[in-house]
Amino acid sequence: MKAIIQGEFHTSGSDREALLSHTDGDADALFIERRKDDYDPEQWTIGYVTFLTGVFTVFWIQDVFGGGPDVAEKASVPVHDEIDTPLPELYPRFPLSWTIGSGLLATGAFLFGLFSPLHTIPFISLPPLAWVLYTLILKVAAVVGAFLLFSFFLIYFEERRIGSRDRDMAQAITEISSDKGYETVVVSCGAAHLNRLPKLLEEDGWDVEVNDSEHSGFAKVWRWGKDSQSQS
């Protein structure tokens, strides 16, 4: 069995083009790092609602700024795009210390956005209305950023310290391929997953080919901590 992994920066059109090029050969199926956008009403806590708000905001940003073709529509092979961990299963895996620490940072940003006074920049003279608009932009950015910070730090540390999403994706790819009889598959995932996911697939018996994103610089910084840990 062979798995061709294409890392991507989620808003990159060139990475999507590269992904589609892999499906033009002998591939039997395409697996995409996505999940159902669902939630669990039984988990309604402040932390869970904040986490969902941040994650769904990121999804919206990716949809707005994403470029390139719609891979699921243009792929010439069967597409499986619900291999990532569902959000109701992911949130309870975060240690309480992570949610508290991220929550404190997010709360600080949120309160700054709500209660910060009028902002000006020293040595720059502008009409009062300009400073009001400048302050309003800062306030909105801080309030929205508070939700994004909370979700980002939780997902960031989960990827670096736990990696359960990688294990879930590897398991889903292997189980679906075994059930469907796939021999060669293409896998699309965020470039940050390229440290652990290929190794997990190799452990499941896959021959893995890895193609990094054309925008791999940020992902390499993201993966740096995991690389250091694996070498120690």
Protein backbone atom coordinates (compact mmCIF):
# COMPACT_ATOMS: atom_id res chain seq x y z
CA MET A 1 0.00 0.00 0.00
CA LYS A 2 1.21 3.49 -0.82
CA ALA A 3 0.18 6.82 0.68
CA ILE A 4 1.15 10.06 -1.10
CA ILE A 5 0.92 12.89 1.42
CA GLN A 6 0.61 16.49 0.26
CA GLY A 7 1.18 19.06 2.98
CA GLU A 8 -0.69 22.30 2.51
CA PHE A 9 -1.10 25.80 3.83
CA HIS A 10 -4.88 25.74 4.10
CA THR A 11 -5.52 28.88 2.04
CA SER A 12 -2.96 28.08 -0.68
CA GLY A 13 -4.20 27.61 -4.22
CA SER A 14 -0.82 26.28 -5.39
CA ASP A 15 -0.90 23.55 -2.75
CA ARG A 16 -4.36 22.51 -3.95
CA GLU A 17 -3.14 22.35 -7.53
CA ALA A 18 -0.25 20.14 -6.41
CA LEU A 19 -2.70 17.92 -4.54
CA LEU A 20 -4.89 17.42 -7.59
CA SER A 21 -1.86 16.51 -9.70
CA HIS A 22 -1.26 13.50 -7.45
CA THR A 23 -4.77 12.18 -8.08
CA ASP A 24 -4.23 12.06 -11.87
CA GLY A 25 -2.10 8.92 -11.67
CA ASP A 26 -2.84 5.54 -10.11
CA ALA A 27 -4.49 6.86 -6.95
CA ASP A 28 -7.58 5.00 -5.74
CA ALA A 29 -8.85 7.67 -3.32
CA LEU A 30 -8.21 11.08 -1.80
CA PHE A 31 -8.28 11.71 1.95
CA ILE A 32 -8.65 15.31 3.15
CA GLU A 33 -7.96 16.65 6.66
CA ARG A 34 -11.46 17.81 7.46
CA ARG A 35 -14.19 16.97 9.94
CA LYS A 36 -17.90 17.47 10.27
CA ASP A 37 -18.57 20.98 11.58
CA ASP A 38 -20.60 19.62 14.48
CA TYR A 39 -20.83 20.35 18.19
CA ASP A 40 -22.15 18.72 21.34
CA PRO A 41 -24.84 20.72 23.19
CA GLU A 42 -24.16 18.70 26.33
CA GLN A 43 -20.70 20.29 26.60
CA TRP A 44 -21.92 23.88 26.75
CA THR A 45 -19.29 25.50 28.95
CA ILE A 46 -17.66 28.89 28.52
CA GLY A 47 -14.44 27.20 27.41
CA TYR A 48 -16.15 24.93 24.89
CA VAL A 49 -18.20 27.77 23.37
CA THR A 50 -15.07 29.94 23.14
CA PHE A 51 -13.19 27.09 21.49
CA LEU A 52 -15.96 26.51 18.93
CA THR A 53 -16.21 30.22 18.18
CA GLY A 54 -12.50 30.44 17.47
CA VAL A 55 -12.40 27.28 15.35
CA PHE A 56 -15.43 28.20 13.25
CA THR A 57 -13.97 31.69 12.74
CA VAL A 58 -10.79 30.08 11.37
CA PHE A 59 -12.91 27.89 9.07
CA TRP A 60 -14.68 31.02 7.80
CA ILE A 61 -11.36 32.82 7.20
CA GLN A 62 -10.07 29.82 5.26
CA ASP A 63 -13.19 29.81 3.10
CA VAL A 64 -12.95 33.55 2.41
CA PHE A 65 -9.22 33.69 1.64
CA GLY A 66 -8.75 30.21 0.25
CA GLY A 67 -7.60 30.03 -3.35
CA GLY A 68 -7.33 27.41 -6.01
CA PRO A 69 -9.76 24.71 -7.08
CA ASP A 70 -12.35 22.99 -4.93
CA VAL A 71 -10.47 19.73 -4.50
CA ALA A 72 -13.45 17.62 -3.47
CA GLU A 73 -15.36 18.64 -6.62
CA LYS A 74 -12.48 18.36 -9.10
CA ALA A 75 -10.85 15.15 -7.87
CA SER A 76 -11.29 12.22 -10.25
CA VAL A 77 -11.21 9.64 -7.41
CA PRO A 78 -13.44 8.98 -4.38
CA VAL A 79 -12.98 11.63 -1.67
CA HIS A 80 -13.07 11.02 2.09
CA ASP A 81 -13.07 14.35 3.91
CA GLU A 82 -14.13 13.52 7.47
CA ILE A 83 -10.98 11.85 8.79
CA ASP A 84 -10.02 14.51 11.37
CA THR A 85 -11.08 14.31 15.02
CA PRO A 86 -14.63 15.64 15.60
CA LEU A 87 -14.63 18.78 17.75
CA PRO A 88 -16.82 17.25 20.51
CA GLU A 89 -14.20 14.50 20.90
CA LEU A 90 -11.20 16.82 20.63
CA TYR A 91 -12.04 19.42 23.29
CA PRO A 92 -12.27 17.01 26.27
CA ARG A 93 -8.75 15.77 25.48
CA PHE A 94 -7.20 19.13 26.38
CA PRO A 95 -5.72 19.11 29.91
CA LEU A 96 -7.41 21.49 32.32
CA SER A 97 -4.16 23.42 32.79
CA TRP A 98 -4.13 24.19 29.06
CA THR A 99 -7.69 25.49 29.00
CA ILE A 100 -7.07 27.63 32.10
CA GLY A 101 -3.82 29.09 30.75
CA SER A 102 -5.25 29.77 27.30
CA GLY A 103 -8.40 31.12 28.92
CA LEU A 104 -6.45 33.66 30.97
CA LEU A 105 -4.66 34.95 27.87
CA ALA A 106 -7.91 35.12 25.92
CA THR A 107 -9.70 36.87 28.80
CA GLY A 108 -6.97 39.50 28.96
CA ALA A 109 -7.30 40.21 25.24
CA PHE A 110 -11.10 40.27 25.46
CA LEU A 111 -11.14 42.72 28.40
CA PHE A 112 -8.58 44.92 26.66
CA GLY A 113 -10.86 45.09 23.65
CA LEU A 114 -13.89 45.99 25.74
CA PHE A 115 -12.46 48.48 28.20
CA SER A 116 -9.32 50.00 26.70
CA PRO A 117 -9.47 53.81 26.40
CA LEU A 118 -8.91 55.91 23.31
CA HIS A 119 -5.59 55.03 21.67
CA THR A 120 -3.20 57.47 20.05
CA ILE A 121 0.31 57.13 18.66
CA PRO A 122 2.94 59.54 20.06
CA PHE A 123 4.33 62.19 17.72
CA ILE A 124 1.58 61.56 15.14
CA SER A 125 -1.10 64.20 14.72
CA LEU A 126 -4.48 63.11 13.36
CA PRO A 127 -8.06 64.38 13.66
CA PRO A 128 -9.94 63.05 16.72
CA LEU A 129 -12.24 60.98 14.50
CA ALA A 130 -9.22 59.11 13.10
CA TRP A 131 -8.12 58.10 16.58
CA VAL A 132 -11.63 56.93 17.37
CA LEU A 133 -11.67 54.72 14.29
CA TYR A 134 -8.16 53.47 15.09
CA THR A 135 -9.24 52.56 18.61
CA LEU A 136 -12.39 50.85 17.33
CA ILE A 137 -10.33 48.69 14.97
CA LEU A 138 -8.01 47.72 17.83
CA LYS A 139 -10.96 46.85 20.06
CA VAL A 140 -12.61 44.64 17.45
CA ALA A 141 -9.30 42.94 16.67
CA ALA A 142 -8.70 42.25 20.36
CA VAL A 143 -12.20 40.85 20.98
CA VAL A 144 -12.17 38.60 17.91
CA GLY A 145 -8.53 37.73 18.54
CA ALA A 146 -9.36 36.53 22.05
CA PHE A 147 -11.42 33.63 20.64
CA LEU A 148 -8.76 32.86 18.05
CA LEU A 149 -6.00 32.87 20.67
CA PHE A 150 -7.87 30.43 22.89
CA SER A 151 -8.50 27.94 20.09
CA PHE A 152 -5.05 28.38 18.53
CA PHE A 153 -3.09 27.64 21.69
CA LEU A 154 -5.15 24.55 22.50
CA ILE A 155 -4.78 23.10 19.00
CA TYR A 156 -1.11 24.12 18.85
CA PHE A 157 -0.19 22.34 22.08
CA GLU A 158 -2.34 19.33 21.22
CA GLU A 159 -0.46 18.90 17.96
CA ARG A 160 2.95 19.30 19.60
CA ARG A 161 2.39 17.40 22.84
CA ILE A 162 -0.37 14.82 22.28
CA GLY A 163 -0.91 14.29 18.56
CA SER A 164 -4.22 12.46 18.91
CA ARG A 165 -5.53 14.09 15.73
CA ASP A 166 -2.68 12.52 13.76
CA ARG A 167 -3.47 9.12 15.26
CA ASP A 168 -7.17 9.50 14.45
CA MET A 169 -6.41 10.45 10.85
CA ALA A 170 -3.96 7.59 10.36
CA GLN A 171 -6.49 5.15 11.80
CA ALA A 172 -9.29 6.47 9.58
CA ILE A 173 -7.12 6.30 6.43
CA THR A 174 -6.05 2.73 7.17
CA GLU A 175 -9.50 1.46 8.16
CA ILE A 176 -11.33 3.04 5.20
CA SER A 177 -8.66 1.87 2.75
CA SER A 178 -8.85 -1.68 4.11
CA ASP A 179 -12.63 -1.66 3.87
CA LYS A 180 -12.68 -0.21 0.33
CA GLY A 181 -9.67 -2.14 -0.99
CA TYR A 182 -7.57 0.95 -1.77
CA GLU A 183 -3.91 0.29 -2.59
CA THR A 184 -2.70 3.82 -3.45
CA VAL A 185 -4.16 6.88 -1.74
CA VAL A 186 -3.44 10.60 -1.68
CA VAL A 187 -3.65 12.40 1.66
CA SER A 188 -4.11 16.16 2.06
CA CYS A 189 -3.21 17.60 5.45
CA GLY A 190 -1.86 20.77 6.98
CA ALA A 191 1.92 20.91 6.70
CA ALA A 192 2.17 20.92 10.50
CA HIS A 193 1.09 17.25 10.49
CA LEU A 194 4.01 16.08 8.37
CA ASN A 195 6.18 15.27 11.36
CA ARG A 196 3.96 12.59 12.93
CA LEU A 197 1.32 11.45 10.43
CA PRO A 198 3.73 9.82 7.90
CA LYS A 199 5.38 7.82 10.70
CA LEU A 200 2.02 6.60 11.96
CA LEU A 201 1.03 5.46 8.47
CA GLU A 202 4.36 3.67 8.06
CA GLU A 203 3.66 1.83 11.31
CA ASP A 204 0.35 0.70 9.77
CA GLY A 205 2.22 -0.80 6.82
CA TRP A 206 2.06 2.06 4.31
CA ASP A 207 4.84 3.04 1.91
CA VAL A 208 4.76 6.81 2.39
CA GLU A 209 5.76 9.61 0.00
CA VAL A 210 5.78 13.08 1.55
CA ASN A 211 5.41 16.34 -0.41
CA ASP A 212 5.80 19.50 1.64
CA SER A 213 3.76 22.65 1.15
CA GLU A 214 5.14 25.39 -1.07
CA HIS A 215 4.66 27.60 2.00
CA SER A 216 6.46 25.27 4.40
CA GLY A 217 8.45 27.86 6.36
CA PHE A 218 5.78 28.52 8.98
CA ALA A 219 4.97 24.82 9.31
CA LYS A 220 8.63 24.00 9.89
CA VAL A 221 8.67 26.47 12.80
CA TRP A 222 5.45 24.86 14.10
CA ARG A 223 7.01 21.39 13.84
CA TRP A 224 10.35 22.45 15.34
CA GLY A 225 9.38 21.52 18.90
CA LYS A 226 8.27 18.05 17.88
CA ASP A 227 11.44 17.50 15.86
CA SER A 228 13.53 18.44 18.90
CA GLN A 229 11.55 16.10 21.16
CA SER A 230 11.87 13.15 18.77
CA GLN A 231 15.65 13.58 18.63
CA SER A 232 16.06 13.78 22.40
